[in-house]
Structure formats: C-alpha cells, structure tokens
Amino acid sequence: MKLPNNLAFAVATVFATAVSITAASNASEAVCTATNTFAAGDYVEYTGGWSKANGRVFRVKTPTGTNFVLEGLDTSDVNLFPAGAGTGSVRKVTTWVPIVGVTAADVSGGDGKNVEVPLLDSDMPVSLPDGFTATTVSLTIADEKSAAHHAALQAISDGVKLTCLRTGLPGGDVLLYAGYCSFNPSPSLSKGNVMAVKATFNLQNKVVRY
C-alpha cells in the first residue's frame, strides 16, 4: 500500500532522430533488430505495425549495436502482435524537463467499455467487452511563469506535438503516459488558494508501467 507522495513528474521535450526497426520478435519481451547506440534505461517511443504498442513509450533493455529489447512488451500472442508486423521505428527521448509544484494529478478514463447484446431467444441480454475508454491525465501546477516546465508545456501544446509524461512513484516504479498535451497558461484566481495552471495529457494508447 502506497500514498501518492513525493511523485516526480517530467515531460519529454526533445526526441532523437528515429531509428528504423527491421525486425521485431514475438516473445515475452520483444527484441527489435536495429542499428542503434542506445543504453540500458533509455526511453523510446515506438511507431510501427503493432497497434497495441504504437505510440507508447518503452524502456530499453540489454541493447547491443544491432538490437535491443523493449522492456515489458509481451508480444508472444501472434493474434495481437502478428508475426513480421512489428517493423517500424523508435525515437529516443533525449531531454526530460521536470514539472515542479504539482498540486493535483487526476487520471480519468481507461475504464472497460461494454456492449449490451439482446438475444431473441432470451429475455436476458449479454454484455460483451468492447475495449476501453480514452485516458486523460490532468496536472494542476502551481503557477510559476519563469519555471522551465512552463515554457516547455506551452511549446508542446502550441506545436500539437506527441510527447510523454513520466511519473516516478514511491519505491521506484515509473508510469509513462504518451500522447498530446494541452496547456492552459491562464492561472486560476480563487481567493485563498494558490494560483495554478493546468496541463492535460490525452493518451493515444495504454499507459506503460515499470
């Protein structure tokens, strides 16, 4: 059991040139064939033929000059990850800007959706799973215009750029939320409360947790 205290937030602001993946394995952790200079622990954004991995940010594991592992990405189910379809590219995050003074972090969505199906031969319909609702992460941040994260979030929002929000949890766990950021630089003006701005991250795929 943990309390959400001492969280460390950072946003990805710079990505390296994309590295082409020429092959990706079906395994408990996907092995990607690619000429690279990655180091263990680097974070990379995947773009390719596996829709369940597309647009997500993963941590690099056991890299060599010719391949690397996308840590935690289980591609062993060929129905979900068709063999030979994992080719594409990855972009390494080269710059993270810390987001300081976060007063609240609210996660919404990500809940399972269901479809109710009526049956002609029964008075009891069945409920079938139909994926998940879109996930949004909203940060309320104490207003400090001179802070590095203020300009970084503004630039990402204005440029409509895909980015990643990294959240360090107590005990060393990491959450990676990849998607688009909308930043409102106009602070709240409620008497008796800290002036605060809001950054909203609209995820394009599921969160990655380490």
N, C-alpha and C. Protein backbone atom coordinates (compact mmCIF):
# COMPACT_ATOMS: atom_id res chain seq x y z
N MET A 1 0.84 -1.19 0.00
CA MET A 1 0.00 0.00 0.00
C MET A 1 0.88 1.25 0.00
N LYS A 2 0.59 2.17 -0.92
CA LYS A 2 1.42 3.37 -1.04
C LYS A 2 0.53 4.61 -1.10
N LEU A 3 1.08 5.72 -0.65
CA LEU A 3 0.42 7.02 -0.79
C LEU A 3 1.09 7.78 -1.92
N PRO A 4 0.34 8.59 -2.66
CA PRO A 4 0.92 9.34 -3.79
C PRO A 4 1.68 10.58 -3.32
N ASN A 5 2.71 10.34 -2.52
CA ASN A 5 3.55 11.43 -2.03
C ASN A 5 4.92 11.37 -2.70
N ASN A 6 5.56 12.51 -2.81
CA ASN A 6 6.90 12.59 -3.39
C ASN A 6 6.95 12.04 -4.82
N LEU A 7 5.93 12.37 -5.60
CA LEU A 7 5.93 11.97 -7.01
C LEU A 7 6.85 12.89 -7.80
N ALA A 8 7.48 12.33 -8.82
CA ALA A 8 8.38 13.12 -9.66
C ALA A 8 7.83 13.13 -11.09
N PHE A 9 7.44 14.31 -11.57
CA PHE A 9 6.88 14.43 -12.91
C PHE A 9 7.90 15.06 -13.85
N ALA A 10 7.89 14.59 -15.11
CA ALA A 10 8.75 15.19 -16.14
C ALA A 10 8.09 15.00 -17.49
N VAL A 11 8.33 15.93 -18.40
CA VAL A 11 7.75 15.85 -19.73
C VAL A 11 8.87 15.76 -20.75
N ALA A 12 8.66 14.92 -21.77
CA ALA A 12 9.64 14.77 -22.84
C ALA A 12 9.53 15.95 -23.79
N THR A 13 10.65 16.64 -24.03
CA THR A 13 10.63 17.81 -24.90
C THR A 13 11.45 17.64 -26.17
N VAL A 14 12.41 16.72 -26.16
CA VAL A 14 13.26 16.51 -27.34
C VAL A 14 13.41 15.02 -27.60
N PHE A 15 13.22 14.64 -28.86
CA PHE A 15 13.41 13.26 -29.30
C PHE A 15 14.55 13.23 -30.31
N ALA A 16 15.34 12.15 -30.30
CA ALA A 16 16.39 11.97 -31.28
C ALA A 16 15.78 11.54 -32.61
N THR A 17 16.61 11.55 -33.65
CA THR A 17 16.18 11.07 -34.95
C THR A 17 15.72 9.62 -34.85
N ALA A 18 14.65 9.29 -35.55
CA ALA A 18 14.08 7.94 -35.47
C ALA A 18 15.07 6.89 -35.96
N VAL A 19 15.07 5.75 -35.28
CA VAL A 19 15.89 4.59 -35.64
C VAL A 19 14.98 3.53 -36.23
N SER A 20 15.32 3.02 -37.41
CA SER A 20 14.47 2.04 -38.09
C SER A 20 14.60 0.66 -37.46
N ILE A 21 13.45 0.01 -37.29
CA ILE A 21 13.40 -1.38 -36.81
C ILE A 21 13.16 -2.27 -38.03
N THR A 22 14.08 -3.17 -38.31
CA THR A 22 13.95 -4.05 -39.49
C THR A 22 13.27 -5.37 -39.16
N ALA A 23 13.22 -5.72 -37.88
CA ALA A 23 12.53 -6.94 -37.44
C ALA A 23 12.24 -6.82 -35.95
N ALA A 24 11.15 -7.46 -35.51
CA ALA A 24 10.80 -7.47 -34.10
C ALA A 24 10.23 -8.84 -33.77
N SER A 25 10.66 -9.41 -32.68
CA SER A 25 10.31 -10.80 -32.36
C SER A 25 9.01 -10.90 -31.58
N ASN A 26 8.41 -12.08 -31.68
CA ASN A 26 7.27 -12.43 -30.83
C ASN A 26 7.83 -13.17 -29.63
N ALA A 27 7.81 -12.50 -28.48
CA ALA A 27 8.43 -13.07 -27.28
C ALA A 27 7.82 -12.41 -26.05
N SER A 28 8.20 -12.93 -24.88
CA SER A 28 7.69 -12.34 -23.63
C SER A 28 8.15 -10.90 -23.48
N GLU A 29 9.29 -10.57 -24.10
CA GLU A 29 9.74 -9.19 -24.24
C GLU A 29 10.29 -9.06 -25.66
N ALA A 30 9.71 -8.13 -26.43
CA ALA A 30 10.05 -8.02 -27.85
C ALA A 30 11.50 -7.61 -28.04
N VAL A 31 12.20 -8.34 -28.92
CA VAL A 31 13.57 -8.00 -29.32
C VAL A 31 13.51 -7.34 -30.69
N CYS A 32 14.02 -6.12 -30.78
CA CYS A 32 13.99 -5.36 -32.03
C CYS A 32 15.37 -5.36 -32.68
N THR A 33 15.39 -5.64 -33.97
CA THR A 33 16.63 -5.58 -34.73
C THR A 33 16.77 -4.18 -35.31
N ALA A 34 17.83 -3.49 -34.93
CA ALA A 34 18.04 -2.11 -35.38
C ALA A 34 19.45 -1.67 -35.06
N THR A 35 20.06 -0.97 -35.97
CA THR A 35 21.36 -0.36 -35.69
C THR A 35 21.14 0.82 -34.75
N ASN A 36 21.79 0.78 -33.57
CA ASN A 36 21.48 1.80 -32.57
C ASN A 36 22.66 2.03 -31.65
N THR A 37 22.56 3.11 -30.88
CA THR A 37 23.56 3.43 -29.86
C THR A 37 22.89 3.60 -28.50
N PHE A 38 21.78 2.90 -28.29
CA PHE A 38 21.02 3.04 -27.06
C PHE A 38 21.79 2.49 -25.86
N ALA A 39 21.44 2.99 -24.70
CA ALA A 39 21.96 2.48 -23.43
C ALA A 39 20.79 1.92 -22.64
N ALA A 40 21.06 0.96 -21.79
CA ALA A 40 20.02 0.39 -20.95
C ALA A 40 19.39 1.50 -20.11
N GLY A 41 18.07 1.51 -20.07
CA GLY A 41 17.36 2.54 -19.32
C GLY A 41 16.88 3.70 -20.14
N ASP A 42 17.32 3.79 -21.41
CA ASP A 42 16.79 4.83 -22.30
C ASP A 42 15.30 4.60 -22.53
N TYR A 43 14.59 5.69 -22.81
CA TYR A 43 13.17 5.59 -23.13
C TYR A 43 12.97 5.90 -24.62
N VAL A 44 12.17 5.05 -25.29
CA VAL A 44 11.95 5.22 -26.72
C VAL A 44 10.46 5.14 -27.03
N GLU A 45 10.03 5.94 -27.99
CA GLU A 45 8.65 5.91 -28.48
C GLU A 45 8.59 5.01 -29.71
N TYR A 46 7.69 4.02 -29.66
CA TYR A 46 7.57 3.05 -30.76
C TYR A 46 6.50 3.50 -31.74
N THR A 47 6.84 3.40 -33.03
CA THR A 47 5.87 3.61 -34.11
C THR A 47 6.06 2.47 -35.10
N GLY A 48 4.99 1.72 -35.34
CA GLY A 48 5.13 0.58 -36.24
C GLY A 48 3.82 -0.14 -36.48
N GLY A 49 3.95 -1.40 -36.87
CA GLY A 49 2.78 -2.17 -37.30
C GLY A 49 1.99 -2.83 -36.19
N TRP A 50 2.49 -2.79 -34.97
CA TRP A 50 1.74 -3.38 -33.85
C TRP A 50 0.92 -2.29 -33.18
N SER A 51 -0.36 -2.29 -33.43
CA SER A 51 -1.22 -1.20 -32.94
C SER A 51 -1.28 -1.15 -31.41
N LYS A 52 -1.13 -2.30 -30.76
CA LYS A 52 -1.19 -2.30 -29.30
C LYS A 52 0.06 -1.70 -28.66
N ALA A 53 1.11 -1.52 -29.47
CA ALA A 53 2.33 -0.88 -28.97
C ALA A 53 2.53 0.50 -29.56
N ASN A 54 1.82 0.79 -30.63
CA ASN A 54 2.04 2.02 -31.40
C ASN A 54 1.81 3.27 -30.54
N GLY A 55 2.77 4.17 -30.59
CA GLY A 55 2.63 5.43 -29.88
C GLY A 55 2.96 5.37 -28.41
N ARG A 56 3.34 4.21 -27.91
CA ARG A 56 3.69 4.09 -26.49
C ARG A 56 5.20 4.26 -26.29
N VAL A 57 5.58 4.61 -25.08
CA VAL A 57 6.99 4.80 -24.74
C VAL A 57 7.43 3.64 -23.84
N PHE A 58 8.54 3.00 -24.23
CA PHE A 58 9.06 1.85 -23.51
C PHE A 58 10.50 2.12 -23.06
N ARG A 59 10.93 1.33 -22.09
CA ARG A 59 12.31 1.43 -21.61
C ARG A 59 13.17 0.40 -22.36
N VAL A 60 14.37 0.81 -22.73
CA VAL A 60 15.29 -0.07 -23.45
C VAL A 60 16.01 -0.98 -22.47
N LYS A 61 16.13 -2.26 -22.88
CA LYS A 61 16.81 -3.26 -22.05
C LYS A 61 17.83 -4.01 -22.90
N THR A 62 18.94 -4.34 -22.31
CA THR A 62 20.03 -5.13 -22.93
C THR A 62 20.31 -4.75 -24.38
N PRO A 63 20.65 -3.50 -24.65
CA PRO A 63 20.93 -3.10 -26.03
C PRO A 63 22.31 -3.56 -26.49
N THR A 64 22.43 -3.85 -27.77
CA THR A 64 23.72 -4.03 -28.44
C THR A 64 23.71 -3.07 -29.62
N GLY A 65 24.74 -3.11 -30.42
CA GLY A 65 24.77 -2.23 -31.58
C GLY A 65 23.80 -2.61 -32.66
N THR A 66 23.22 -3.82 -32.56
CA THR A 66 22.33 -4.30 -33.63
C THR A 66 20.93 -4.64 -33.16
N ASN A 67 20.69 -4.68 -31.86
CA ASN A 67 19.34 -4.96 -31.38
C ASN A 67 19.13 -4.43 -29.97
N PHE A 68 17.90 -4.46 -29.52
CA PHE A 68 17.57 -4.05 -28.16
C PHE A 68 16.21 -4.65 -27.80
N VAL A 69 15.93 -4.70 -26.51
CA VAL A 69 14.67 -5.23 -26.01
C VAL A 69 13.78 -4.08 -25.55
N LEU A 70 12.50 -4.15 -25.93
CA LEU A 70 11.50 -3.21 -25.39
C LEU A 70 10.99 -3.83 -24.10
N GLU A 71 11.50 -3.35 -22.99
CA GLU A 71 11.23 -3.96 -21.69
C GLU A 71 9.73 -4.04 -21.39
N GLY A 72 9.28 -5.24 -21.03
CA GLY A 72 7.91 -5.42 -20.60
C GLY A 72 6.88 -5.56 -21.71
N LEU A 73 7.28 -5.41 -22.98
CA LEU A 73 6.32 -5.53 -24.08
C LEU A 73 6.22 -6.99 -24.48
N ASP A 74 5.17 -7.64 -24.02
CA ASP A 74 4.93 -9.06 -24.31
C ASP A 74 4.21 -9.18 -25.65
N THR A 75 4.91 -9.70 -26.64
CA THR A 75 4.35 -9.83 -27.99
C THR A 75 4.16 -11.30 -28.38
N SER A 76 4.10 -12.17 -27.38
CA SER A 76 4.05 -13.61 -27.66
C SER A 76 2.73 -14.04 -28.30
N ASP A 77 1.66 -13.29 -28.13
CA ASP A 77 0.37 -13.62 -28.75
C ASP A 77 0.35 -13.09 -30.18
N VAL A 78 0.49 -13.98 -31.15
CA VAL A 78 0.59 -13.55 -32.55
C VAL A 78 -0.75 -13.06 -33.09
N ASN A 79 -1.84 -13.31 -32.38
CA ASN A 79 -3.12 -12.73 -32.81
C ASN A 79 -3.16 -11.24 -32.50
N LEU A 80 -2.54 -10.84 -31.40
CA LEU A 80 -2.49 -9.43 -31.03
C LEU A 80 -1.29 -8.73 -31.66
N PHE A 81 -0.20 -9.49 -31.84
CA PHE A 81 1.03 -8.94 -32.42
C PHE A 81 1.44 -9.84 -33.58
N PRO A 82 0.87 -9.63 -34.77
CA PRO A 82 1.14 -10.50 -35.91
C PRO A 82 2.63 -10.61 -36.21
N ALA A 83 3.06 -11.84 -36.47
CA ALA A 83 4.47 -12.07 -36.78
C ALA A 83 4.88 -11.29 -38.02
N GLY A 84 6.01 -10.61 -37.93
CA GLY A 84 6.55 -9.83 -39.05
C GLY A 84 6.00 -8.43 -39.18
N ALA A 85 5.01 -8.10 -38.34
CA ALA A 85 4.37 -6.78 -38.47
C ALA A 85 4.96 -5.73 -37.53
N GLY A 86 5.96 -6.10 -36.75
CA GLY A 86 6.49 -5.16 -35.76
C GLY A 86 7.53 -4.19 -36.27
N THR A 87 7.83 -4.25 -37.58
CA THR A 87 8.80 -3.30 -38.13
C THR A 87 8.26 -1.87 -38.03
N GLY A 88 9.18 -0.94 -37.99
CA GLY A 88 8.79 0.47 -37.86
C GLY A 88 9.98 1.28 -37.41
N SER A 89 9.80 2.06 -36.35
CA SER A 89 10.90 2.88 -35.85
C SER A 89 10.68 3.24 -34.39
N VAL A 90 11.75 3.70 -33.74
CA VAL A 90 11.66 4.23 -32.39
C VAL A 90 12.40 5.55 -32.32
N ARG A 91 11.92 6.43 -31.45
CA ARG A 91 12.59 7.71 -31.19
C ARG A 91 12.97 7.76 -29.72
N LYS A 92 14.25 8.00 -29.47
CA LYS A 92 14.71 8.10 -28.08
C LYS A 92 14.39 9.47 -27.50
N VAL A 93 13.89 9.47 -26.28
CA VAL A 93 13.72 10.74 -25.56
C VAL A 93 15.09 11.19 -25.09
N THR A 94 15.52 12.35 -25.54
CA THR A 94 16.84 12.86 -25.16
C THR A 94 16.78 13.94 -24.08
N THR A 95 15.62 14.57 -23.91
CA THR A 95 15.50 15.62 -22.90
C THR A 95 14.19 15.48 -22.15
N TRP A 96 14.30 15.43 -20.83
CA TRP A 96 13.13 15.46 -19.94
C TRP A 96 13.19 16.76 -19.14
N VAL A 97 12.09 17.47 -19.07
CA VAL A 97 12.02 18.68 -18.26
C VAL A 97 11.15 18.39 -17.04
N PRO A 98 11.68 18.50 -15.82
CA PRO A 98 10.89 18.25 -14.62
C PRO A 98 9.72 19.23 -14.51
N ILE A 99 8.60 18.72 -14.06
CA ILE A 99 7.42 19.56 -13.78
C ILE A 99 7.32 19.65 -12.27
N VAL A 100 7.57 20.83 -11.73
CA VAL A 100 7.60 21.00 -10.28
C VAL A 100 6.37 21.79 -9.81
N GLY A 101 6.02 21.59 -8.56
CA GLY A 101 4.90 22.32 -7.98
C GLY A 101 3.55 21.76 -8.36
N VAL A 102 3.47 20.46 -8.65
CA VAL A 102 2.19 19.85 -9.00
C VAL A 102 1.35 19.71 -7.73
N THR A 103 0.15 20.29 -7.75
CA THR A 103 -0.72 20.23 -6.58
C THR A 103 -1.78 19.14 -6.69
N ALA A 104 -2.03 18.66 -7.91
CA ALA A 104 -3.01 17.59 -8.09
C ALA A 104 -2.75 16.90 -9.43
N ALA A 105 -2.96 15.60 -9.45
CA ALA A 105 -2.84 14.82 -10.68
C ALA A 105 -4.06 13.91 -10.77
N ASP A 106 -4.87 14.15 -11.77
CA ASP A 106 -6.13 13.40 -11.89
C ASP A 106 -6.11 12.56 -13.16
N VAL A 107 -6.34 11.26 -13.01
CA VAL A 107 -6.41 10.34 -14.14
C VAL A 107 -7.86 9.95 -14.36
N SER A 108 -8.35 10.14 -15.58
CA SER A 108 -9.72 9.76 -15.89
C SER A 108 -9.73 8.88 -17.14
N GLY A 109 -10.77 8.07 -17.26
CA GLY A 109 -10.87 7.17 -18.41
C GLY A 109 -10.07 5.90 -18.17
N GLY A 110 -9.88 5.15 -19.25
CA GLY A 110 -9.18 3.88 -19.14
C GLY A 110 -10.04 2.75 -18.61
N ASP A 111 -11.33 3.03 -18.47
CA ASP A 111 -12.25 2.02 -17.95
C ASP A 111 -12.75 1.12 -19.08
N GLY A 112 -13.07 -0.10 -18.74
CA GLY A 112 -13.58 -1.03 -19.72
C GLY A 112 -14.95 -0.61 -20.24
N LYS A 113 -15.12 -0.74 -21.57
CA LYS A 113 -16.43 -0.48 -22.18
C LYS A 113 -17.11 -1.80 -22.48
N ASN A 114 -18.43 -1.78 -22.47
CA ASN A 114 -19.20 -2.99 -22.76
C ASN A 114 -20.33 -2.69 -23.71
N VAL A 115 -20.72 -3.67 -24.48
CA VAL A 115 -21.86 -3.57 -25.39
C VAL A 115 -22.91 -4.58 -24.94
N GLU A 116 -24.11 -4.09 -24.75
CA GLU A 116 -25.22 -4.98 -24.35
C GLU A 116 -25.88 -5.55 -25.60
N VAL A 117 -25.94 -6.86 -25.67
CA VAL A 117 -26.46 -7.53 -26.87
C VAL A 117 -27.77 -8.25 -26.51
N PRO A 118 -28.91 -7.81 -27.08
CA PRO A 118 -30.17 -8.50 -26.82
C PRO A 118 -30.24 -9.80 -27.62
N LEU A 119 -30.80 -10.81 -27.02
CA LEU A 119 -30.94 -12.10 -27.67
C LEU A 119 -32.41 -12.41 -27.92
N LEU A 120 -32.75 -12.85 -29.13
CA LEU A 120 -34.14 -13.12 -29.47
C LEU A 120 -34.69 -14.32 -28.72
N ASP A 121 -33.80 -15.23 -28.31
CA ASP A 121 -34.29 -16.44 -27.65
C ASP A 121 -34.15 -16.36 -26.13
N SER A 122 -33.94 -15.13 -25.61
CA SER A 122 -33.80 -14.98 -24.17
C SER A 122 -34.28 -13.60 -23.75
N ASP A 123 -34.75 -13.50 -22.52
CA ASP A 123 -35.14 -12.18 -22.01
C ASP A 123 -33.99 -11.55 -21.22
N MET A 124 -32.83 -12.17 -21.29
CA MET A 124 -31.66 -11.67 -20.59
C MET A 124 -30.56 -11.36 -21.60
N PRO A 125 -30.25 -10.08 -21.83
CA PRO A 125 -29.17 -9.75 -22.77
C PRO A 125 -27.81 -10.14 -22.19
N VAL A 126 -26.82 -10.21 -23.06
CA VAL A 126 -25.45 -10.46 -22.61
C VAL A 126 -24.63 -9.19 -22.78
N SER A 127 -23.60 -9.08 -21.99
CA SER A 127 -22.72 -7.91 -22.05
C SER A 127 -21.36 -8.37 -22.51
N LEU A 128 -20.87 -7.77 -23.62
CA LEU A 128 -19.58 -8.15 -24.19
C LEU A 128 -18.59 -7.01 -24.06
N PRO A 129 -17.33 -7.34 -23.75
CA PRO A 129 -16.31 -6.29 -23.62
C PRO A 129 -16.02 -5.63 -24.97
N ASP A 130 -15.85 -4.30 -24.95
CA ASP A 130 -15.64 -3.54 -26.18
C ASP A 130 -14.51 -2.52 -25.99
N GLY A 131 -13.36 -3.01 -25.48
CA GLY A 131 -12.21 -2.13 -25.32
C GLY A 131 -12.30 -1.24 -24.10
N PHE A 132 -11.66 -0.08 -24.21
CA PHE A 132 -11.53 0.83 -23.07
C PHE A 132 -11.82 2.26 -23.49
N THR A 133 -12.19 3.07 -22.53
CA THR A 133 -12.40 4.49 -22.81
C THR A 133 -11.03 5.19 -22.88
N ALA A 134 -11.00 6.32 -23.60
CA ALA A 134 -9.76 7.08 -23.72
C ALA A 134 -9.32 7.59 -22.34
N THR A 135 -8.00 7.66 -22.14
CA THR A 135 -7.44 8.09 -20.86
C THR A 135 -6.90 9.51 -20.94
N THR A 136 -7.19 10.27 -19.90
CA THR A 136 -6.70 11.65 -19.79
C THR A 136 -6.03 11.82 -18.44
N VAL A 137 -4.86 12.47 -18.45
CA VAL A 137 -4.16 12.81 -17.21
C VAL A 137 -4.08 14.33 -17.12
N SER A 138 -4.62 14.89 -16.05
CA SER A 138 -4.62 16.34 -15.86
C SER A 138 -3.77 16.72 -14.66
N LEU A 139 -2.81 17.60 -14.89
CA LEU A 139 -1.96 18.09 -13.82
C LEU A 139 -2.35 19.52 -13.47
N THR A 140 -2.55 19.77 -12.22
CA THR A 140 -2.72 21.13 -11.71
C THR A 140 -1.38 21.55 -11.12
N ILE A 141 -0.83 22.66 -11.61
CA ILE A 141 0.55 23.04 -11.29
C ILE A 141 0.57 24.46 -10.73
N ALA A 142 1.23 24.62 -9.61
CA ALA A 142 1.37 25.96 -9.04
C ALA A 142 1.96 26.91 -10.08
N ASP A 143 1.34 28.05 -10.24
CA ASP A 143 1.73 28.98 -11.30
C ASP A 143 3.09 29.60 -11.03
N GLU A 144 4.02 29.37 -11.97
CA GLU A 144 5.35 29.98 -11.89
C GLU A 144 5.83 30.16 -13.33
N LYS A 145 5.57 31.32 -13.88
CA LYS A 145 5.84 31.57 -15.30
C LYS A 145 7.31 31.38 -15.67
N SER A 146 8.22 31.62 -14.74
CA SER A 146 9.65 31.52 -15.03
C SER A 146 10.17 30.08 -14.97
N ALA A 147 9.36 29.14 -14.52
CA ALA A 147 9.81 27.75 -14.40
C ALA A 147 10.02 27.15 -15.79
N ALA A 148 11.01 26.27 -15.92
CA ALA A 148 11.34 25.67 -17.21
C ALA A 148 10.16 24.89 -17.78
N HIS A 149 9.40 24.25 -16.91
CA HIS A 149 8.29 23.43 -17.43
C HIS A 149 7.20 24.29 -18.06
N HIS A 150 7.07 25.54 -17.63
CA HIS A 150 6.02 26.41 -18.17
C HIS A 150 6.23 26.62 -19.68
N ALA A 151 7.42 27.03 -20.06
CA ALA A 151 7.72 27.24 -21.48
C ALA A 151 7.68 25.93 -22.26
N ALA A 152 8.14 24.84 -21.63
CA ALA A 152 8.17 23.55 -22.32
C ALA A 152 6.75 23.07 -22.63
N LEU A 153 5.87 23.15 -21.66
CA LEU A 153 4.48 22.72 -21.86
C LEU A 153 3.77 23.61 -22.88
N GLN A 154 4.07 24.90 -22.84
CA GLN A 154 3.46 25.82 -23.80
C GLN A 154 3.89 25.47 -25.22
N ALA A 155 5.18 25.19 -25.43
CA ALA A 155 5.68 24.86 -26.77
C ALA A 155 5.09 23.56 -27.28
N ILE A 156 5.00 22.56 -26.41
CA ILE A 156 4.43 21.27 -26.82
C ILE A 156 2.97 21.44 -27.18
N SER A 157 2.24 22.20 -26.38
CA SER A 157 0.82 22.42 -26.64
C SER A 157 0.60 23.20 -27.93
N ASP A 158 1.35 24.27 -28.13
CA ASP A 158 1.19 25.10 -29.32
C ASP A 158 1.55 24.33 -30.59
N GLY A 159 2.55 23.46 -30.49
CA GLY A 159 3.00 22.72 -31.66
C GLY A 159 2.22 21.46 -31.94
N VAL A 160 1.26 21.14 -31.05
CA VAL A 160 0.46 19.91 -31.17
C VAL A 160 1.41 18.72 -31.41
N LYS A 161 2.38 18.58 -30.52
CA LYS A 161 3.39 17.55 -30.66
C LYS A 161 3.11 16.37 -29.73
N LEU A 162 3.34 15.16 -30.26
CA LEU A 162 3.27 13.99 -29.40
C LEU A 162 4.39 14.06 -28.37
N THR A 163 4.08 13.74 -27.13
CA THR A 163 5.07 13.80 -26.07
C THR A 163 4.82 12.67 -25.09
N CYS A 164 5.54 12.70 -23.99
CA CYS A 164 5.35 11.68 -22.96
C CYS A 164 5.47 12.35 -21.59
N LEU A 165 4.56 12.00 -20.70
CA LEU A 165 4.62 12.42 -19.30
C LEU A 165 5.16 11.24 -18.51
N ARG A 166 6.27 11.47 -17.82
CA ARG A 166 6.86 10.42 -16.97
C ARG A 166 6.58 10.74 -15.51
N THR A 167 6.08 9.74 -14.79
CA THR A 167 5.77 9.93 -13.38
C THR A 167 6.53 8.90 -12.56
N GLY A 168 7.40 9.37 -11.68
CA GLY A 168 8.13 8.49 -10.78
C GLY A 168 7.34 8.30 -9.49
N LEU A 169 7.07 7.04 -9.16
CA LEU A 169 6.27 6.72 -7.98
C LEU A 169 7.16 6.33 -6.80
N PRO A 170 6.61 6.37 -5.60
CA PRO A 170 7.38 5.91 -4.44
C PRO A 170 7.81 4.46 -4.65
N GLY A 171 9.05 4.15 -4.29
CA GLY A 171 9.55 2.79 -4.45
C GLY A 171 10.24 2.55 -5.77
N GLY A 172 10.21 3.53 -6.68
CA GLY A 172 10.95 3.40 -7.92
C GLY A 172 10.13 3.04 -9.15
N ASP A 173 8.84 2.76 -9.00
CA ASP A 173 8.01 2.48 -10.18
C ASP A 173 7.91 3.72 -11.06
N VAL A 174 7.68 3.49 -12.35
CA VAL A 174 7.57 4.58 -13.32
C VAL A 174 6.32 4.38 -14.17
N LEU A 175 5.59 5.47 -14.39
CA LEU A 175 4.44 5.48 -15.30
C LEU A 175 4.80 6.34 -16.51
N LEU A 176 4.48 5.84 -17.71
CA LEU A 176 4.76 6.56 -18.95
C LEU A 176 3.46 6.78 -19.70
N TYR A 177 3.03 8.04 -19.77
CA TYR A 177 1.80 8.42 -20.45
C TYR A 177 2.17 9.14 -21.75
N ALA A 178 1.91 8.52 -22.89
CA ALA A 178 2.28 9.11 -24.18
C ALA A 178 1.04 9.63 -24.90
N GLY A 179 1.14 10.86 -25.40
CA GLY A 179 0.01 11.44 -26.11
C GLY A 179 0.22 12.92 -26.38
N TYR A 180 -0.89 13.64 -26.52
CA TYR A 180 -0.85 15.07 -26.79
C TYR A 180 -1.11 15.85 -25.51
N CYS A 181 -0.45 17.00 -25.40
CA CYS A 181 -0.61 17.84 -24.22
C CYS A 181 -1.32 19.14 -24.59
N SER A 182 -2.30 19.51 -23.79
CA SER A 182 -2.95 20.81 -23.91
C SER A 182 -2.64 21.60 -22.64
N PHE A 183 -2.05 22.77 -22.81
CA PHE A 183 -1.61 23.56 -21.66
C PHE A 183 -2.35 24.88 -21.63
N ASN A 184 -2.94 25.19 -20.48
CA ASN A 184 -3.63 26.46 -20.29
C ASN A 184 -2.79 27.33 -19.37
N PRO A 185 -2.12 28.37 -19.92
CA PRO A 185 -1.23 29.20 -19.09
C PRO A 185 -1.96 30.21 -18.22
N SER A 186 -3.28 30.31 -18.39
CA SER A 186 -4.05 31.27 -17.58
C SER A 186 -4.29 30.67 -16.19
N PRO A 187 -3.75 31.27 -15.13
CA PRO A 187 -3.87 30.65 -13.81
C PRO A 187 -5.25 30.81 -13.20
N SER A 188 -5.57 29.88 -12.31
CA SER A 188 -6.80 30.00 -11.52
C SER A 188 -6.64 31.18 -10.58
N LEU A 189 -7.77 31.84 -10.31
CA LEU A 189 -7.74 33.06 -9.47
C LEU A 189 -8.80 32.95 -8.39
N SER A 190 -8.62 31.97 -7.51
CA SER A 190 -9.58 31.74 -6.44
C SER A 190 -8.97 32.22 -5.12
N LYS A 191 -9.65 33.16 -4.48
CA LYS A 191 -9.13 33.76 -3.25
C LYS A 191 -8.88 32.68 -2.20
N GLY A 192 -7.70 32.75 -1.59
CA GLY A 192 -7.35 31.79 -0.55
C GLY A 192 -6.70 30.53 -1.06
N ASN A 193 -6.55 30.41 -2.40
CA ASN A 193 -5.92 29.24 -2.99
C ASN A 193 -4.74 29.66 -3.86
N VAL A 194 -3.78 28.76 -3.98
CA VAL A 194 -2.60 29.03 -4.80
C VAL A 194 -3.01 29.18 -6.25
N MET A 195 -2.48 30.21 -6.93
CA MET A 195 -2.72 30.34 -8.36
C MET A 195 -2.10 29.13 -9.06
N ALA A 196 -2.85 28.54 -9.97
CA ALA A 196 -2.38 27.31 -10.61
C ALA A 196 -2.79 27.27 -12.07
N VAL A 197 -1.96 26.60 -12.88
CA VAL A 197 -2.25 26.37 -14.29
C VAL A 197 -2.50 24.88 -14.48
N LYS A 198 -2.98 24.51 -15.67
CA LYS A 198 -3.33 23.11 -15.89
C LYS A 198 -2.76 22.60 -17.20
N ALA A 199 -2.20 21.38 -17.14
CA ALA A 199 -1.72 20.67 -18.33
C ALA A 199 -2.49 19.36 -18.42
N THR A 200 -3.09 19.12 -19.58
CA THR A 200 -3.88 17.91 -19.79
C THR A 200 -3.23 17.05 -20.87
N PHE A 201 -3.00 15.79 -20.56
CA PHE A 201 -2.38 14.85 -21.49
C PHE A 201 -3.44 13.86 -21.96
N ASN A 202 -3.66 13.85 -23.28
CA ASN A 202 -4.63 12.93 -23.87
C ASN A 202 -3.88 11.74 -24.47
N LEU A 203 -3.99 10.59 -23.83
CA LEU A 203 -3.22 9.41 -24.23
C LEU A 203 -3.71 8.86 -25.56
N GLN A 204 -2.76 8.35 -26.36
CA GLN A 204 -3.08 7.72 -27.63
C GLN A 204 -3.06 6.19 -27.54
N ASN A 205 -2.65 5.69 -26.38
CA ASN A 205 -2.62 4.24 -26.16
C ASN A 205 -2.56 4.02 -24.65
N LYS A 206 -2.40 2.78 -24.22
CA LYS A 206 -2.40 2.48 -22.80
C LYS A 206 -1.11 2.98 -22.13
N VAL A 207 -1.22 3.21 -20.84
CA VAL A 207 -0.04 3.60 -20.04
C VAL A 207 0.93 2.44 -20.00
N VAL A 208 2.22 2.75 -19.89
CA VAL A 208 3.26 1.74 -19.68
C VAL A 208 3.77 1.93 -18.27
N ARG A 209 3.80 0.83 -17.51
CA ARG A 209 4.25 0.91 -16.11
C ARG A 209 5.44 -0.01 -15.86
N TYR A 210 6.44 0.51 -15.18
CA TYR A 210 7.60 -0.28 -14.76
C TYR A 210 7.73 -0.26 -13.25
